[in-house]
C-alpha cells in the first residue's frame, strides 16, 4: 500500500512540476567555489524543506552561457537515495551564470560577488574564495 501511495504522490508532483527543488523550498543552502585537480567548481549543498523528499536525479541544462541545475525529487526512498544535494558544476570560461531550479535563482555569476545563505546566516563569497559575514564585511579565508 505504501508503494502505491508513493507512486501516486510522484505522479502528482510530476504533473504539477513540484518535483524540481527550487531555492525557496530548501531548508539549508550553501555554495562555494572549490578547486579540484586544477579545475574550478561551484559546489552546491542543499536539503529540501520537507524531509519526505529524496533526490531522484540532477540535470544540467546549458544554454546561452548559462547553466541551469535541476534537482528532481521523489517521495520514494527504495534505492537508499538521500534527500540532500551535494553537487559540483565545473566553472569554465564559457559559463557566465549558474541558476538553481526553475525559479531562476542565480547562485553564481562569473566575476561577481555571491551572496550565500548558510542556514540563517548570510555570507559573501567572491570568485577568489574570500568569504565573510555579510554584516561585518569580507574576510579572507
N, C-alpha and C. Protein backbone atom coordinates (compact mmCIF):
# COMPACT_ATOMS: atom_id res chain seq x y z
N UNK A 1 0.82 -1.20 0.00
CA UNK A 1 0.00 0.00 0.00
C UNK A 1 0.86 1.27 0.00
N UNK A 2 1.97 1.25 0.79
CA UNK A 2 2.86 2.41 0.83
C UNK A 2 3.47 2.69 -0.54
N UNK A 3 3.78 1.66 -1.28
CA UNK A 3 4.36 1.82 -2.61
C UNK A 3 3.37 2.49 -3.56
N UNK A 4 2.11 2.12 -3.46
CA UNK A 4 1.07 2.72 -4.30
C UNK A 4 0.90 4.19 -3.97
N UNK A 5 0.88 4.52 -2.68
CA UNK A 5 0.74 5.92 -2.27
C UNK A 5 1.94 6.74 -2.75
N UNK A 6 3.14 6.21 -2.60
CA UNK A 6 4.34 6.92 -3.05
C UNK A 6 4.30 7.13 -4.56
N UNK A 7 3.87 6.12 -5.32
CA UNK A 7 3.78 6.23 -6.77
C UNK A 7 2.78 7.30 -7.17
N UNK A 8 1.62 7.34 -6.50
CA UNK A 8 0.61 8.36 -6.79
C UNK A 8 1.13 9.76 -6.47
N UNK A 9 1.83 9.89 -5.35
CA UNK A 9 2.38 11.21 -4.99
C UNK A 9 3.42 11.66 -6.01
N UNK A 10 4.26 10.74 -6.50
CA UNK A 10 5.25 11.09 -7.51
C UNK A 10 4.59 11.54 -8.80
N UNK A 11 3.51 10.89 -9.19
CA UNK A 11 2.77 11.29 -10.40
C UNK A 11 2.20 12.69 -10.23
N UNK A 12 1.59 12.96 -9.08
CA UNK A 12 1.01 14.28 -8.82
C UNK A 12 2.09 15.35 -8.83
N UNK A 13 3.22 15.09 -8.17
CA UNK A 13 4.32 16.05 -8.15
C UNK A 13 4.83 16.34 -9.55
N UNK A 14 4.98 15.32 -10.36
CA UNK A 14 5.48 15.48 -11.71
C UNK A 14 4.52 16.30 -12.57
N UNK A 15 3.24 16.02 -12.46
CA UNK A 15 2.23 16.76 -13.24
C UNK A 15 2.23 18.23 -12.85
N UNK A 16 2.33 18.52 -11.56
CA UNK A 16 2.32 19.91 -11.08
C UNK A 16 3.67 20.61 -11.27
N UNK A 17 4.70 19.88 -11.62
CA UNK A 17 6.03 20.46 -11.75
C UNK A 17 6.69 20.71 -10.40
N UNK A 18 6.13 20.15 -9.33
CA UNK A 18 6.67 20.36 -7.99
C UNK A 18 7.76 19.37 -7.64
N UNK A 19 8.17 18.55 -8.60
CA UNK A 19 9.20 17.57 -8.30
C UNK A 19 10.61 18.13 -8.52
N UNK A 20 10.73 19.42 -8.84
CA UNK A 20 12.03 20.06 -9.01
C UNK A 20 12.28 20.97 -7.81
N UNK A 21 13.43 20.76 -7.16
CA UNK A 21 13.79 21.57 -5.99
C UNK A 21 14.12 22.99 -6.43
N UNK A 22 13.51 23.97 -5.78
CA UNK A 22 13.82 25.37 -6.02
C UNK A 22 14.45 25.96 -4.77
N UNK A 23 15.21 27.02 -4.94
CA UNK A 23 15.93 27.66 -3.85
C UNK A 23 15.02 28.01 -2.67
N UNK A 24 13.83 28.52 -2.97
CA UNK A 24 12.92 28.97 -1.92
C UNK A 24 12.28 27.81 -1.15
N UNK A 25 12.50 26.57 -1.61
CA UNK A 25 11.95 25.41 -0.92
C UNK A 25 13.06 24.53 -0.36
N UNK A 26 14.17 25.18 0.03
CA UNK A 26 15.26 24.46 0.65
C UNK A 26 15.37 24.88 2.11
N UNK A 27 15.80 23.95 2.93
CA UNK A 27 15.99 24.22 4.35
C UNK A 27 17.39 24.75 4.60
N UNK A 28 18.33 24.29 3.86
CA UNK A 28 19.74 24.62 4.01
C UNK A 28 20.30 24.74 2.61
N UNK A 29 21.01 25.81 2.33
CA UNK A 29 21.57 26.01 1.01
C UNK A 29 22.93 26.65 1.13
N UNK A 30 23.93 26.05 0.50
CA UNK A 30 25.28 26.57 0.57
C UNK A 30 25.96 26.39 -0.78
N UNK A 31 26.69 27.42 -1.21
CA UNK A 31 27.52 27.28 -2.40
C UNK A 31 28.91 27.78 -2.06
N UNK A 32 29.90 27.20 -2.72
CA UNK A 32 31.25 27.72 -2.60
C UNK A 32 32.06 27.26 -3.79
N UNK A 33 33.01 28.12 -4.19
CA UNK A 33 33.91 27.79 -5.29
C UNK A 33 35.06 26.98 -4.71
N UNK A 34 35.32 25.82 -5.33
CA UNK A 34 36.40 24.95 -4.87
C UNK A 34 37.29 24.58 -6.06
N UNK A 35 38.51 24.16 -5.75
CA UNK A 35 39.45 23.68 -6.76
C UNK A 35 39.65 22.19 -6.58
N UNK A 36 39.52 21.44 -7.67
CA UNK A 36 39.77 20.00 -7.67
C UNK A 36 40.63 19.69 -8.89
N UNK A 37 41.83 19.19 -8.65
CA UNK A 37 42.75 18.84 -9.74
C UNK A 37 42.91 19.98 -10.75
N UNK A 38 43.20 21.17 -10.24
CA UNK A 38 43.44 22.37 -11.06
C UNK A 38 42.23 22.82 -11.88
N UNK A 39 41.04 22.41 -11.50
CA UNK A 39 39.81 22.88 -12.15
C UNK A 39 38.92 23.53 -11.09
N UNK A 40 38.18 24.55 -11.48
CA UNK A 40 37.29 25.27 -10.57
C UNK A 40 35.88 24.71 -10.68
N UNK A 41 35.24 24.54 -9.54
CA UNK A 41 33.87 24.03 -9.47
C UNK A 41 33.06 24.88 -8.51
N UNK A 42 31.76 24.99 -8.78
CA UNK A 42 30.84 25.54 -7.80
C UNK A 42 30.22 24.35 -7.09
N UNK A 43 30.47 24.24 -5.80
CA UNK A 43 29.90 23.16 -5.00
C UNK A 43 28.56 23.63 -4.45
N UNK A 44 27.54 22.82 -4.65
CA UNK A 44 26.18 23.14 -4.20
C UNK A 44 25.77 22.11 -3.17
N UNK A 45 25.34 22.59 -2.00
CA UNK A 45 24.81 21.69 -0.97
C UNK A 45 23.46 22.25 -0.55
N UNK A 46 22.46 21.37 -0.48
CA UNK A 46 21.11 21.81 -0.12
C UNK A 46 20.30 20.64 0.40
N UNK A 47 19.29 20.96 1.19
CA UNK A 47 18.32 19.97 1.65
C UNK A 47 16.93 20.49 1.34
N UNK A 48 16.01 19.61 0.94
CA UNK A 48 14.64 20.05 0.68
C UNK A 48 13.97 20.48 1.98
N UNK A 49 13.01 21.40 1.87
CA UNK A 49 12.29 21.88 3.05
C UNK A 49 11.50 20.76 3.72
N UNK A 50 11.13 19.75 2.98
CA UNK A 50 10.40 18.61 3.53
C UNK A 50 11.29 17.37 3.52
N UNK A 51 11.36 16.70 4.67
CA UNK A 51 12.19 15.50 4.77
C UNK A 51 11.56 14.31 4.06
N UNK A 52 10.38 14.48 3.51
CA UNK A 52 9.70 13.42 2.77
C UNK A 52 10.38 13.14 1.44
N UNK A 53 11.08 14.13 0.89
CA UNK A 53 11.62 14.02 -0.46
C UNK A 53 13.07 13.53 -0.48
N UNK A 54 13.41 12.83 -1.54
CA UNK A 54 14.78 12.41 -1.81
C UNK A 54 15.16 12.86 -3.21
N UNK A 55 16.46 12.99 -3.44
CA UNK A 55 16.96 13.37 -4.76
C UNK A 55 16.85 12.17 -5.69
N UNK A 56 16.16 12.36 -6.79
CA UNK A 56 15.97 11.30 -7.77
C UNK A 56 17.01 11.40 -8.89
N UNK A 57 17.26 12.65 -9.34
CA UNK A 57 18.15 12.87 -10.48
C UNK A 57 18.56 14.34 -10.49
N UNK A 58 19.76 14.63 -10.99
CA UNK A 58 20.22 16.01 -11.15
C UNK A 58 20.66 16.19 -12.59
N UNK A 59 20.15 17.27 -13.21
CA UNK A 59 20.49 17.56 -14.62
C UNK A 59 21.03 18.97 -14.74
N UNK A 60 21.93 19.15 -15.67
CA UNK A 60 22.41 20.48 -16.04
C UNK A 60 21.90 20.79 -17.44
N UNK A 61 21.30 21.96 -17.59
CA UNK A 61 20.88 22.42 -18.91
C UNK A 61 21.71 23.66 -19.23
N UNK A 62 22.48 23.58 -20.30
CA UNK A 62 23.38 24.66 -20.69
C UNK A 62 22.80 25.37 -21.90
N UNK A 63 22.58 26.68 -21.75
CA UNK A 63 22.02 27.47 -22.83
C UNK A 63 22.46 28.92 -22.68
N UNK A 64 22.95 29.52 -23.74
CA UNK A 64 23.35 30.93 -23.75
C UNK A 64 24.31 31.27 -22.61
N UNK A 65 25.38 30.48 -22.44
CA UNK A 65 26.42 30.72 -21.44
C UNK A 65 25.89 30.64 -20.00
N UNK A 66 24.78 29.94 -19.85
CA UNK A 66 24.13 29.82 -18.55
C UNK A 66 23.88 28.34 -18.26
N UNK A 67 24.14 27.92 -17.02
CA UNK A 67 23.87 26.55 -16.60
C UNK A 67 22.70 26.58 -15.63
N UNK A 68 21.67 25.81 -15.95
CA UNK A 68 20.54 25.66 -15.04
C UNK A 68 20.66 24.28 -14.40
N UNK A 69 20.73 24.24 -13.06
CA UNK A 69 20.82 22.99 -12.33
C UNK A 69 19.42 22.62 -11.86
N UNK A 70 18.95 21.47 -12.32
CA UNK A 70 17.63 20.98 -11.95
C UNK A 70 17.78 19.73 -11.10
N UNK A 71 17.24 19.80 -9.88
CA UNK A 71 17.28 18.66 -8.95
C UNK A 71 15.87 18.08 -8.90
N UNK A 72 15.72 16.87 -9.43
CA UNK A 72 14.43 16.20 -9.46
C UNK A 72 14.25 15.41 -8.17
N UNK A 73 13.10 15.60 -7.52
CA UNK A 73 12.81 14.98 -6.24
C UNK A 73 11.72 13.91 -6.40
N UNK A 74 11.72 12.94 -5.50
CA UNK A 74 10.64 11.97 -5.42
C UNK A 74 10.38 11.66 -3.96
N UNK A 75 9.27 11.00 -3.69
CA UNK A 75 8.93 10.67 -2.30
C UNK A 75 9.36 9.26 -1.92
N UNK A 76 9.80 8.49 -2.86
CA UNK A 76 10.17 7.11 -2.58
C UNK A 76 11.66 7.01 -2.28
N UNK A 77 12.00 6.22 -1.28
CA UNK A 77 13.40 6.05 -0.94
C UNK A 77 13.80 4.58 -1.03
N UNK A 78 13.26 3.88 -1.99
CA UNK A 78 13.51 2.44 -2.10
C UNK A 78 14.95 2.11 -2.47
N UNK A 79 15.66 3.03 -3.10
CA UNK A 79 17.03 2.77 -3.53
C UNK A 79 18.07 3.33 -2.56
N UNK A 80 17.64 3.76 -1.38
CA UNK A 80 18.56 4.32 -0.41
C UNK A 80 19.10 5.67 -0.79
N UNK A 81 18.36 6.42 -1.58
CA UNK A 81 18.80 7.75 -2.02
C UNK A 81 18.69 8.74 -0.88
N UNK A 82 19.46 9.82 -0.98
CA UNK A 82 19.50 10.85 0.05
C UNK A 82 18.59 12.02 -0.32
N UNK A 83 18.14 12.74 0.67
CA UNK A 83 17.37 13.95 0.43
C UNK A 83 18.26 15.14 0.17
N UNK A 84 19.53 15.02 0.50
CA UNK A 84 20.45 16.13 0.35
C UNK A 84 21.09 16.19 -1.02
N UNK A 85 21.44 17.41 -1.42
CA UNK A 85 22.14 17.66 -2.67
C UNK A 85 23.59 17.97 -2.33
N UNK A 86 24.50 17.27 -2.95
CA UNK A 86 25.93 17.55 -2.86
C UNK A 86 26.44 17.41 -4.29
N UNK A 87 26.51 18.53 -5.00
CA UNK A 87 26.73 18.50 -6.44
C UNK A 87 27.76 19.56 -6.83
N UNK A 88 28.54 19.28 -7.84
CA UNK A 88 29.55 20.23 -8.31
C UNK A 88 29.33 20.53 -9.79
N UNK A 89 29.38 21.81 -10.13
CA UNK A 89 29.29 22.27 -11.51
C UNK A 89 30.65 22.84 -11.89
N UNK A 90 31.23 22.32 -12.97
CA UNK A 90 32.53 22.83 -13.40
C UNK A 90 32.39 24.23 -13.96
N UNK A 91 33.25 25.12 -13.48
CA UNK A 91 33.27 26.50 -13.94
C UNK A 91 34.33 26.62 -15.03
N UNK A 92 33.92 27.11 -16.17
CA UNK A 92 34.88 27.33 -17.24
C UNK A 92 34.59 28.68 -17.89
N UNK A 93 35.46 29.07 -18.79
CA UNK A 93 35.35 30.41 -19.39
C UNK A 93 34.08 30.60 -20.22
N UNK A 94 33.42 29.51 -20.59
CA UNK A 94 32.20 29.61 -21.40
C UNK A 94 30.94 29.80 -20.57
N UNK A 95 31.06 29.79 -19.25
CA UNK A 95 29.90 29.91 -18.36
C UNK A 95 29.90 31.27 -17.69
N UNK A 96 28.82 32.01 -17.82
CA UNK A 96 28.67 33.31 -17.18
C UNK A 96 27.84 33.26 -15.91
N UNK A 97 26.94 32.29 -15.83
CA UNK A 97 25.98 32.28 -14.73
C UNK A 97 25.48 30.86 -14.47
N UNK A 98 25.19 30.59 -13.18
CA UNK A 98 24.58 29.32 -12.81
C UNK A 98 23.28 29.62 -12.07
N UNK A 99 22.22 28.95 -12.49
CA UNK A 99 20.88 29.14 -11.93
C UNK A 99 20.45 27.84 -11.27
N UNK A 100 19.75 27.95 -10.15
CA UNK A 100 19.27 26.77 -9.43
C UNK A 100 17.76 26.66 -9.56
N UNK A 101 17.29 25.52 -10.07
CA UNK A 101 15.86 25.25 -10.18
C UNK A 101 15.17 26.05 -11.26
N UNK A 102 13.84 25.87 -11.33
CA UNK A 102 13.04 26.60 -12.32
C UNK A 102 12.70 28.01 -11.88
N UNK A 103 12.97 28.34 -10.61
CA UNK A 103 12.62 29.66 -10.10
C UNK A 103 13.55 30.74 -10.64
N UNK A 104 14.69 30.35 -11.22
CA UNK A 104 15.59 31.33 -11.81
C UNK A 104 16.55 31.96 -10.81
N UNK A 105 16.75 31.35 -9.65
CA UNK A 105 17.65 31.90 -8.63
C UNK A 105 19.10 31.79 -9.11
N UNK A 106 19.75 32.95 -9.30
CA UNK A 106 21.15 32.98 -9.71
C UNK A 106 22.00 32.68 -8.48
N UNK A 107 22.79 31.60 -8.56
CA UNK A 107 23.62 31.22 -7.42
C UNK A 107 25.10 31.48 -7.68
N UNK A 108 25.46 31.82 -8.92
CA UNK A 108 26.85 32.17 -9.24
C UNK A 108 26.88 32.97 -10.53
N UNK A 109 27.71 34.03 -10.52
CA UNK A 109 27.96 34.79 -11.74
C UNK A 109 29.45 35.01 -11.87
N UNK A 110 29.95 34.86 -13.05
CA UNK A 110 31.38 34.97 -13.30
C UNK A 110 31.88 36.37 -12.95
N UNK A 111 32.86 36.45 -12.03
CA UNK A 111 33.48 37.72 -11.68
C UNK A 111 32.70 38.58 -10.72
N UNK A 112 31.60 38.10 -10.16
CA UNK A 112 30.79 38.90 -9.25
C UNK A 112 30.76 38.27 -7.87
N UNK A 113 30.48 39.09 -6.89
CA UNK A 113 30.34 38.59 -5.52
C UNK A 113 29.00 37.89 -5.38
N UNK A 114 29.03 36.75 -4.73
CA UNK A 114 27.84 35.97 -4.49
C UNK A 114 27.37 36.13 -3.06
N UNK A 115 26.07 36.14 -2.85
CA UNK A 115 25.52 36.06 -1.50
C UNK A 115 25.15 34.61 -1.28
N UNK A 116 25.66 34.03 -0.22
CA UNK A 116 25.46 32.61 0.05
C UNK A 116 24.70 32.48 1.37
N UNK A 117 23.62 31.75 1.33
CA UNK A 117 22.78 31.53 2.51
C UNK A 117 23.20 30.23 3.16
N UNK A 118 23.71 30.31 4.38
CA UNK A 118 24.11 29.11 5.13
C UNK A 118 23.20 29.07 6.35
N UNK A 119 22.13 28.29 6.25
CA UNK A 119 21.16 28.27 7.34
C UNK A 119 20.51 29.62 7.47
N UNK A 120 20.64 30.25 8.63
CA UNK A 120 20.04 31.56 8.85
C UNK A 120 21.08 32.68 8.78
N UNK A 121 22.36 32.34 8.55
CA UNK A 121 23.41 33.35 8.44
C UNK A 121 23.72 33.59 6.97
N UNK A 122 24.11 34.80 6.66
CA UNK A 122 24.44 35.13 5.28
C UNK A 122 25.91 35.47 5.18
N UNK A 123 26.56 34.94 4.16
CA UNK A 123 27.96 35.16 3.92
C UNK A 123 28.15 35.61 2.49
N UNK A 124 29.26 36.32 2.26
CA UNK A 124 29.58 36.66 0.88
C UNK A 124 30.76 35.83 0.45
N UNK A 125 30.84 35.57 -0.83
CA UNK A 125 31.96 34.81 -1.38
C UNK A 125 32.29 35.40 -2.74
N UNK A 126 33.55 35.75 -2.94
CA UNK A 126 33.92 36.25 -4.26
C UNK A 126 34.60 35.14 -5.05
N UNK A 127 34.95 35.42 -6.28
CA UNK A 127 35.49 34.38 -7.15
C UNK A 127 36.90 33.95 -6.74
N UNK A 128 37.54 34.70 -5.82
CA UNK A 128 38.85 34.31 -5.31
C UNK A 128 38.73 33.42 -4.08
N UNK A 129 37.50 33.14 -3.65
CA UNK A 129 37.29 32.28 -2.49
C UNK A 129 37.28 32.99 -1.16
N UNK A 130 37.33 34.34 -1.17
CA UNK A 130 37.26 35.08 0.09
C UNK A 130 35.83 35.06 0.60
N UNK A 131 35.66 34.84 1.90
CA UNK A 131 34.32 34.79 2.46
C UNK A 131 34.26 35.63 3.72
N UNK A 132 33.06 35.99 4.12
CA UNK A 132 32.88 36.74 5.36
C UNK A 132 31.43 36.96 5.66
N UNK A 133 31.13 37.32 6.88
CA UNK A 133 29.77 37.62 7.30
C UNK A 133 29.33 38.88 6.57
N UNK A 134 28.15 38.85 5.98
CA UNK A 134 27.68 39.98 5.18
C UNK A 134 27.48 41.25 6.03
N UNK A 135 27.25 41.07 7.33
CA UNK A 135 27.06 42.23 8.20
C UNK A 135 28.39 42.85 8.60
N UNK A 136 29.49 42.08 8.54
CA UNK A 136 30.77 42.57 9.03
C UNK A 136 31.81 42.82 7.95
N UNK A 137 31.45 42.65 6.69
CA UNK A 137 32.38 42.85 5.61
C UNK A 137 33.15 41.59 5.27
N UNK A 138 33.82 41.62 4.16
CA UNK A 138 34.53 40.42 3.67
C UNK A 138 35.75 40.13 4.54
N UNK A 139 36.00 38.87 4.74
CA UNK A 139 37.18 38.41 5.46
C UNK A 139 37.90 37.42 4.57
N UNK A 140 39.18 37.40 4.67
CA UNK A 140 39.94 36.44 3.88
C UNK A 140 39.82 35.05 4.47
N UNK A 141 39.88 34.03 3.62
CA UNK A 141 39.73 32.66 4.10
C UNK A 141 40.94 32.12 4.78
